Amino acid sequence: MTFYTESAEQTIGLGEKIGSFLRPGDVIALQGTLAAGKTTITKGIARALGITEDITSPTFTLISVYEGRLPLYHMDVYRLEGSADFSDLGAEEMLYGNGICVIEWSEKIMDELPSRTIVIKLSAENEKRTVTIENWTYGDFTL
């Protein structure tokens, strides 16, 4: 499925729509260049989970945990060297737990993620974004 958004608020809205379908144990692998909208779409996912805290990129903390109707584990693996570093984080408990994992820069660690992982690829030109969702099993939806 491919969607096009023309503002940050529309991208958040798409994230909220995606988040409304998510179930315990879902893993979202976000991929895209710097400023493609990875954290922006995560804000919408968090909103759908009832999280009211401000969502920021966990670039330096690596993992941020937010509590909502389900826990949200927001990871940024940009600074990791690869899969071995990711394994050392102890993220397996989160990947196979009862929360939602959203992983920015996931292309670095795809071999560590479950086969059921939902991949969301983002590209941006100014505020306009193309968002492609792969391995989505919840049926089609519209924005």
N, C-alpha and C. Protein backbone atom coordinates (compact mmCIF):
# COMPACT_ATOMS: atom_id res chain seq x y z
N MET A 1 0.84 -1.17 0.00
CA MET A 1 0.00 0.00 0.00
C MET A 1 0.89 1.23 0.00
N THR A 2 0.51 2.21 -0.78
CA THR A 2 1.25 3.46 -0.83
C THR A 2 0.31 4.63 -0.57
N PHE A 3 0.78 5.55 0.26
CA PHE A 3 0.03 6.75 0.60
C PHE A 3 0.89 7.96 0.34
N TYR A 4 0.24 9.09 0.13
CA TYR A 4 0.94 10.35 -0.08
C TYR A 4 0.39 11.36 0.92
N THR A 5 1.28 12.01 1.64
CA THR A 5 0.85 13.04 2.58
C THR A 5 1.51 14.36 2.18
N GLU A 6 0.85 15.46 2.51
CA GLU A 6 1.35 16.77 2.11
C GLU A 6 1.68 17.68 3.27
N SER A 7 1.61 17.15 4.48
CA SER A 7 1.96 17.96 5.66
C SER A 7 2.33 17.02 6.80
N ALA A 8 2.97 17.58 7.80
CA ALA A 8 3.31 16.79 8.98
C ALA A 8 2.04 16.26 9.64
N GLU A 9 0.99 17.10 9.69
CA GLU A 9 -0.26 16.67 10.32
C GLU A 9 -0.90 15.50 9.57
N GLN A 10 -0.82 15.49 8.24
CA GLN A 10 -1.34 14.35 7.48
C GLN A 10 -0.52 13.09 7.74
N THR A 11 0.79 13.25 7.88
CA THR A 11 1.65 12.11 8.18
C THR A 11 1.34 11.56 9.57
N ILE A 12 1.11 12.45 10.52
CA ILE A 12 0.70 12.02 11.86
C ILE A 12 -0.65 11.29 11.76
N GLY A 13 -1.57 11.82 10.96
CA GLY A 13 -2.86 11.18 10.76
C GLY A 13 -2.74 9.78 10.19
N LEU A 14 -1.82 9.60 9.24
CA LEU A 14 -1.58 8.27 8.69
C LEU A 14 -1.03 7.34 9.78
N GLY A 15 -0.11 7.84 10.58
CA GLY A 15 0.41 7.06 11.69
C GLY A 15 -0.69 6.67 12.66
N GLU A 16 -1.61 7.59 12.90
CA GLU A 16 -2.73 7.30 13.81
C GLU A 16 -3.62 6.21 13.22
N LYS A 17 -3.85 6.25 11.93
CA LYS A 17 -4.66 5.21 11.27
C LYS A 17 -3.95 3.86 11.40
N ILE A 18 -2.66 3.82 11.13
CA ILE A 18 -1.87 2.59 11.26
C ILE A 18 -1.95 2.09 12.71
N GLY A 19 -1.72 2.99 13.65
CA GLY A 19 -1.72 2.63 15.06
C GLY A 19 -3.04 2.07 15.54
N SER A 20 -4.14 2.48 14.91
CA SER A 20 -5.46 2.00 15.34
C SER A 20 -5.65 0.51 15.05
N PHE A 21 -4.86 -0.05 14.14
CA PHE A 21 -4.95 -1.47 13.80
C PHE A 21 -4.00 -2.34 14.62
N LEU A 22 -2.98 -1.75 15.20
CA LEU A 22 -1.90 -2.52 15.80
C LEU A 22 -2.34 -3.31 17.02
N ARG A 23 -1.70 -4.47 17.18
CA ARG A 23 -2.01 -5.40 18.26
C ARG A 23 -0.72 -5.71 19.03
N PRO A 24 -0.85 -6.24 20.25
CA PRO A 24 0.33 -6.57 21.05
C PRO A 24 1.33 -7.43 20.26
N GLY A 25 2.58 -7.06 20.33
CA GLY A 25 3.63 -7.81 19.67
C GLY A 25 3.97 -7.33 18.27
N ASP A 26 3.22 -6.34 17.75
CA ASP A 26 3.54 -5.84 16.41
C ASP A 26 4.85 -5.08 16.40
N VAL A 27 5.59 -5.25 15.30
CA VAL A 27 6.87 -4.58 15.12
C VAL A 27 6.79 -3.78 13.83
N ILE A 28 7.14 -2.50 13.91
CA ILE A 28 7.14 -1.60 12.76
C ILE A 28 8.58 -1.21 12.46
N ALA A 29 9.03 -1.52 11.26
CA ALA A 29 10.38 -1.17 10.81
C ALA A 29 10.28 0.06 9.91
N LEU A 30 10.75 1.20 10.39
CA LEU A 30 10.70 2.43 9.62
C LEU A 30 12.00 2.61 8.85
N GLN A 31 11.86 2.97 7.58
CA GLN A 31 13.03 3.16 6.73
C GLN A 31 12.87 4.45 5.93
N GLY A 32 13.95 5.17 5.77
CA GLY A 32 13.93 6.41 5.01
C GLY A 32 15.10 7.28 5.41
N THR A 33 15.36 8.27 4.60
CA THR A 33 16.48 9.16 4.84
C THR A 33 16.19 10.10 6.00
N LEU A 34 17.17 10.88 6.37
CA LEU A 34 17.02 11.89 7.40
C LEU A 34 15.89 12.83 7.00
N ALA A 35 14.99 13.13 7.93
CA ALA A 35 13.85 14.03 7.73
C ALA A 35 12.78 13.47 6.79
N ALA A 36 12.74 12.15 6.62
CA ALA A 36 11.73 11.53 5.75
C ALA A 36 10.37 11.44 6.45
N GLY A 37 10.34 11.55 7.78
CA GLY A 37 9.08 11.52 8.51
C GLY A 37 8.93 10.34 9.47
N LYS A 38 10.03 9.68 9.80
CA LYS A 38 9.97 8.50 10.67
C LYS A 38 9.41 8.85 12.05
N THR A 39 9.93 9.88 12.66
CA THR A 39 9.44 10.27 13.99
C THR A 39 8.03 10.86 13.87
N THR A 40 7.75 11.54 12.80
CA THR A 40 6.43 12.14 12.61
C THR A 40 5.35 11.07 12.54
N ILE A 41 5.57 10.02 11.77
CA ILE A 41 4.57 8.95 11.68
C ILE A 41 4.46 8.22 13.03
N THR A 42 5.55 8.14 13.77
CA THR A 42 5.53 7.52 15.10
C THR A 42 4.64 8.32 16.04
N LYS A 43 4.62 9.64 15.90
CA LYS A 43 3.75 10.47 16.73
C LYS A 43 2.28 10.06 16.55
N GLY A 44 1.89 9.75 15.31
CA GLY A 44 0.52 9.32 15.06
C GLY A 44 0.24 7.95 15.64
N ILE A 45 1.19 7.04 15.52
CA ILE A 45 1.03 5.71 16.11
C ILE A 45 0.84 5.85 17.62
N ALA A 46 1.65 6.70 18.24
CA ALA A 46 1.54 6.92 19.68
C ALA A 46 0.18 7.51 20.04
N ARG A 47 -0.29 8.44 19.25
CA ARG A 47 -1.60 9.05 19.51
C ARG A 47 -2.70 7.98 19.49
N ALA A 48 -2.62 7.05 18.53
CA ALA A 48 -3.61 5.98 18.44
C ALA A 48 -3.56 5.06 19.65
N LEU A 49 -2.40 4.98 20.28
CA LEU A 49 -2.23 4.14 21.47
C LEU A 49 -2.61 4.89 22.75
N GLY A 50 -3.07 6.12 22.62
CA GLY A 50 -3.48 6.90 23.78
C GLY A 50 -2.33 7.54 24.53
N ILE A 51 -1.20 7.66 23.88
CA ILE A 51 -0.01 8.27 24.51
C ILE A 51 -0.07 9.78 24.31
N THR A 52 0.04 10.52 25.39
CA THR A 52 -0.06 11.97 25.32
C THR A 52 1.30 12.66 25.46
N GLU A 53 2.32 11.91 25.82
CA GLU A 53 3.66 12.48 25.93
C GLU A 53 4.16 12.93 24.56
N ASP A 54 5.07 13.90 24.56
CA ASP A 54 5.68 14.35 23.32
C ASP A 54 6.64 13.27 22.82
N ILE A 55 6.49 12.86 21.58
CA ILE A 55 7.34 11.84 20.99
C ILE A 55 8.50 12.53 20.29
N THR A 56 9.71 12.17 20.68
CA THR A 56 10.91 12.71 20.04
C THR A 56 11.78 11.54 19.58
N SER A 57 12.66 11.82 18.66
CA SER A 57 13.55 10.77 18.17
C SER A 57 14.51 10.33 19.27
N PRO A 58 14.60 9.03 19.53
CA PRO A 58 15.49 8.54 20.58
C PRO A 58 16.92 8.30 20.08
N THR A 59 17.43 9.19 19.23
CA THR A 59 18.75 9.00 18.61
C THR A 59 19.85 8.77 19.64
N PHE A 60 19.85 9.51 20.72
CA PHE A 60 20.94 9.39 21.69
C PHE A 60 20.61 8.45 22.84
N THR A 61 19.32 8.22 23.10
CA THR A 61 18.95 7.29 24.16
C THR A 61 18.75 5.88 23.60
N LEU A 62 18.62 5.75 22.30
CA LEU A 62 18.40 4.52 21.56
C LEU A 62 16.99 3.95 21.71
N ILE A 63 16.45 3.91 22.93
CA ILE A 63 15.11 3.37 23.14
C ILE A 63 14.35 4.28 24.11
N SER A 64 13.16 4.69 23.69
CA SER A 64 12.24 5.42 24.58
C SER A 64 11.02 4.54 24.78
N VAL A 65 10.52 4.51 26.00
CA VAL A 65 9.35 3.70 26.33
C VAL A 65 8.22 4.64 26.74
N TYR A 66 7.06 4.44 26.13
CA TYR A 66 5.88 5.24 26.43
C TYR A 66 4.75 4.31 26.83
N GLU A 67 3.94 4.74 27.78
CA GLU A 67 2.81 3.93 28.23
C GLU A 67 1.51 4.47 27.66
N GLY A 68 0.72 3.58 27.07
CA GLY A 68 -0.60 3.89 26.55
C GLY A 68 -1.45 2.65 26.71
N ARG A 69 -2.44 2.45 25.83
CA ARG A 69 -3.24 1.23 25.93
C ARG A 69 -2.35 0.01 25.71
N LEU A 70 -1.25 0.19 25.00
CA LEU A 70 -0.16 -0.79 24.88
C LEU A 70 1.13 -0.01 25.06
N PRO A 71 2.17 -0.64 25.60
CA PRO A 71 3.46 0.06 25.66
C PRO A 71 4.01 0.29 24.25
N LEU A 72 4.65 1.42 24.06
CA LEU A 72 5.31 1.72 22.79
C LEU A 72 6.81 1.78 23.06
N TYR A 73 7.56 0.94 22.35
CA TYR A 73 9.02 0.93 22.42
C TYR A 73 9.51 1.60 21.15
N HIS A 74 9.98 2.81 21.27
CA HIS A 74 10.44 3.60 20.12
C HIS A 74 11.96 3.54 20.09
N MET A 75 12.48 2.92 19.07
CA MET A 75 13.93 2.70 18.97
C MET A 75 14.50 3.45 17.78
N ASP A 76 15.72 3.91 17.93
CA ASP A 76 16.45 4.54 16.84
C ASP A 76 17.81 3.86 16.80
N VAL A 77 18.05 3.09 15.74
CA VAL A 77 19.28 2.31 15.66
C VAL A 77 20.32 2.94 14.73
N TYR A 78 20.14 4.23 14.41
CA TYR A 78 21.04 4.93 13.52
C TYR A 78 22.50 4.84 13.97
N ARG A 79 22.73 4.98 15.25
CA ARG A 79 24.10 5.01 15.77
C ARG A 79 24.71 3.63 15.98
N LEU A 80 23.93 2.57 15.77
CA LEU A 80 24.46 1.22 15.94
C LEU A 80 25.26 0.81 14.71
N GLU A 81 26.23 -0.07 14.92
CA GLU A 81 27.04 -0.57 13.82
C GLU A 81 26.31 -1.66 13.03
N GLY A 82 25.37 -2.33 13.65
CA GLY A 82 24.66 -3.40 12.95
C GLY A 82 23.94 -4.32 13.91
N SER A 83 23.67 -5.52 13.42
CA SER A 83 22.86 -6.49 14.16
C SER A 83 23.45 -6.89 15.51
N ALA A 84 24.76 -7.04 15.58
CA ALA A 84 25.39 -7.45 16.85
C ALA A 84 25.13 -6.40 17.93
N ASP A 85 25.25 -5.12 17.58
CA ASP A 85 24.98 -4.05 18.54
C ASP A 85 23.52 -4.08 18.97
N PHE A 86 22.64 -4.36 18.04
CA PHE A 86 21.21 -4.41 18.36
C PHE A 86 20.93 -5.56 19.34
N SER A 87 21.54 -6.70 19.10
CA SER A 87 21.37 -7.84 20.00
C SER A 87 21.85 -7.50 21.40
N ASP A 88 22.94 -6.74 21.49
CA ASP A 88 23.49 -6.36 22.79
C ASP A 88 22.58 -5.42 23.58
N LEU A 89 21.65 -4.75 22.90
CA LEU A 89 20.71 -3.87 23.59
C LEU A 89 19.70 -4.63 24.44
N GLY A 90 19.51 -5.91 24.15
CA GLY A 90 18.50 -6.67 24.86
C GLY A 90 17.09 -6.38 24.37
N ALA A 91 16.96 -6.01 23.13
CA ALA A 91 15.67 -5.62 22.57
C ALA A 91 14.75 -6.81 22.30
N GLU A 92 15.28 -8.02 22.38
CA GLU A 92 14.47 -9.21 22.07
C GLU A 92 13.21 -9.27 22.93
N GLU A 93 13.33 -8.91 24.20
CA GLU A 93 12.17 -8.92 25.10
C GLU A 93 11.07 -7.98 24.59
N MET A 94 11.48 -6.85 24.02
CA MET A 94 10.51 -5.89 23.48
C MET A 94 9.94 -6.38 22.15
N LEU A 95 10.79 -6.96 21.31
CA LEU A 95 10.34 -7.45 19.99
C LEU A 95 9.31 -8.56 20.11
N TYR A 96 9.41 -9.36 21.14
CA TYR A 96 8.52 -10.50 21.30
C TYR A 96 7.61 -10.35 22.52
N GLY A 97 7.42 -9.11 22.96
CA GLY A 97 6.60 -8.84 24.13
C GLY A 97 5.18 -8.43 23.76
N ASN A 98 4.52 -7.74 24.68
CA ASN A 98 3.13 -7.36 24.51
C ASN A 98 2.93 -5.92 24.11
N GLY A 99 4.00 -5.24 23.74
CA GLY A 99 3.90 -3.85 23.31
C GLY A 99 4.03 -3.73 21.81
N ILE A 100 4.20 -2.50 21.36
CA ILE A 100 4.43 -2.18 19.95
C ILE A 100 5.86 -1.66 19.84
N CYS A 101 6.64 -2.22 18.93
CA CYS A 101 7.99 -1.73 18.67
C CYS A 101 7.98 -0.93 17.37
N VAL A 102 8.51 0.27 17.43
CA VAL A 102 8.71 1.09 16.25
C VAL A 102 10.20 1.37 16.18
N ILE A 103 10.82 0.97 15.06
CA ILE A 103 12.28 1.04 14.95
C ILE A 103 12.68 1.93 13.78
N GLU A 104 13.29 3.07 14.10
CA GLU A 104 13.79 3.97 13.06
C GLU A 104 15.15 3.48 12.58
N TRP A 105 15.43 3.66 11.29
CA TRP A 105 16.66 3.22 10.64
C TRP A 105 16.79 1.69 10.68
N SER A 106 15.68 1.02 10.58
CA SER A 106 15.63 -0.44 10.72
C SER A 106 16.39 -1.20 9.64
N GLU A 107 16.68 -0.55 8.52
CA GLU A 107 17.41 -1.25 7.46
C GLU A 107 18.76 -1.78 7.94
N LYS A 108 19.27 -1.22 9.04
CA LYS A 108 20.56 -1.67 9.59
C LYS A 108 20.46 -3.01 10.32
N ILE A 109 19.23 -3.41 10.72
CA ILE A 109 19.10 -4.58 11.59
C ILE A 109 17.97 -5.53 11.16
N MET A 110 17.58 -5.46 9.90
CA MET A 110 16.42 -6.25 9.44
C MET A 110 16.57 -7.74 9.73
N ASP A 111 17.79 -8.26 9.71
CA ASP A 111 17.98 -9.70 9.96
C ASP A 111 17.69 -10.08 11.41
N GLU A 112 17.54 -9.10 12.30
CA GLU A 112 17.23 -9.37 13.70
C GLU A 112 15.72 -9.29 13.99
N LEU A 113 14.95 -8.83 13.03
CA LEU A 113 13.52 -8.59 13.27
C LEU A 113 12.67 -9.79 12.89
N PRO A 114 11.53 -9.97 13.56
CA PRO A 114 10.65 -11.10 13.25
C PRO A 114 10.12 -11.02 11.82
N SER A 115 9.79 -12.17 11.25
CA SER A 115 9.28 -12.20 9.87
C SER A 115 7.96 -11.46 9.72
N ARG A 116 7.22 -11.31 10.80
CA ARG A 116 5.93 -10.63 10.76
C ARG A 116 6.06 -9.10 10.78
N THR A 117 7.28 -8.58 10.81
CA THR A 117 7.54 -7.14 10.91
C THR A 117 6.88 -6.39 9.76
N ILE A 118 6.19 -5.31 10.11
CA ILE A 118 5.57 -4.41 9.13
C ILE A 118 6.63 -3.38 8.75
N VAL A 119 6.92 -3.27 7.46
CA VAL A 119 7.95 -2.33 6.98
C VAL A 119 7.25 -1.11 6.40
N ILE A 120 7.66 0.06 6.88
CA ILE A 120 7.12 1.32 6.36
C ILE A 120 8.30 2.12 5.81
N LYS A 121 8.25 2.37 4.50
CA LYS A 121 9.30 3.13 3.83
C LYS A 121 8.78 4.53 3.53
N LEU A 122 9.57 5.53 3.95
CA LEU A 122 9.18 6.91 3.76
C LEU A 122 10.20 7.64 2.91
N SER A 123 9.71 8.48 2.03
CA SER A 123 10.59 9.40 1.30
C SER A 123 9.90 10.75 1.29
N ALA A 124 10.69 11.81 1.27
CA ALA A 124 10.12 13.15 1.39
C ALA A 124 10.75 14.10 0.39
N GLU A 125 9.90 15.00 -0.06
CA GLU A 125 10.35 16.14 -0.84
C GLU A 125 9.62 17.33 -0.25
N ASN A 126 10.33 18.13 0.53
CA ASN A 126 9.73 19.20 1.33
C ASN A 126 8.75 18.57 2.31
N GLU A 127 7.51 19.03 2.37
CA GLU A 127 6.52 18.47 3.29
C GLU A 127 5.78 17.28 2.67
N LYS A 128 5.95 17.05 1.38
CA LYS A 128 5.25 15.95 0.72
C LYS A 128 6.01 14.65 0.93
N ARG A 129 5.25 13.62 1.35
CA ARG A 129 5.88 12.33 1.65
C ARG A 129 5.18 11.22 0.90
N THR A 130 5.99 10.24 0.51
CA THR A 130 5.47 8.98 -0.02
C THR A 130 5.72 7.94 1.05
N VAL A 131 4.66 7.23 1.43
CA VAL A 131 4.74 6.24 2.49
C VAL A 131 4.26 4.91 1.94
N THR A 132 5.15 3.93 1.91
CA THR A 132 4.82 2.60 1.39
C THR A 132 4.86 1.61 2.56
N ILE A 133 3.78 0.84 2.69
CA ILE A 133 3.66 -0.12 3.78
C ILE A 133 3.73 -1.52 3.19
N GLU A 134 4.65 -2.33 3.73
CA GLU A 134 4.84 -3.70 3.27
C GLU A 134 4.60 -4.67 4.43
N ASN A 135 4.14 -5.86 4.10
CA ASN A 135 3.90 -6.93 5.07
C ASN A 135 2.77 -6.57 6.04
N TRP A 136 1.79 -5.81 5.53
CA TRP A 136 0.62 -5.40 6.30
C TRP A 136 -0.42 -6.49 6.20
N THR A 137 -0.90 -6.99 7.32
CA THR A 137 -1.84 -8.10 7.30
C THR A 137 -3.24 -7.73 7.80
N TYR A 138 -3.49 -6.45 8.04
CA TYR A 138 -4.76 -6.04 8.61
C TYR A 138 -5.78 -5.57 7.57
N GLY A 139 -5.52 -5.77 6.30
CA GLY A 139 -6.45 -5.35 5.26
C GLY A 139 -6.19 -3.92 4.81
N ASP A 140 -6.80 -3.56 3.69
CA ASP A 140 -6.61 -2.22 3.14
C ASP A 140 -7.36 -1.18 3.94
N PHE A 141 -6.88 0.05 3.89
CA PHE A 141 -7.58 1.16 4.51
C PHE A 141 -7.25 2.42 3.69
N THR A 142 -8.02 3.45 3.91
CA THR A 142 -7.76 4.72 3.25
C THR A 142 -7.38 5.76 4.29
N LEU A 143 -6.71 6.77 3.82
CA LEU A 143 -6.26 7.84 4.72
C LEU A 143 -7.39 8.82 4.93
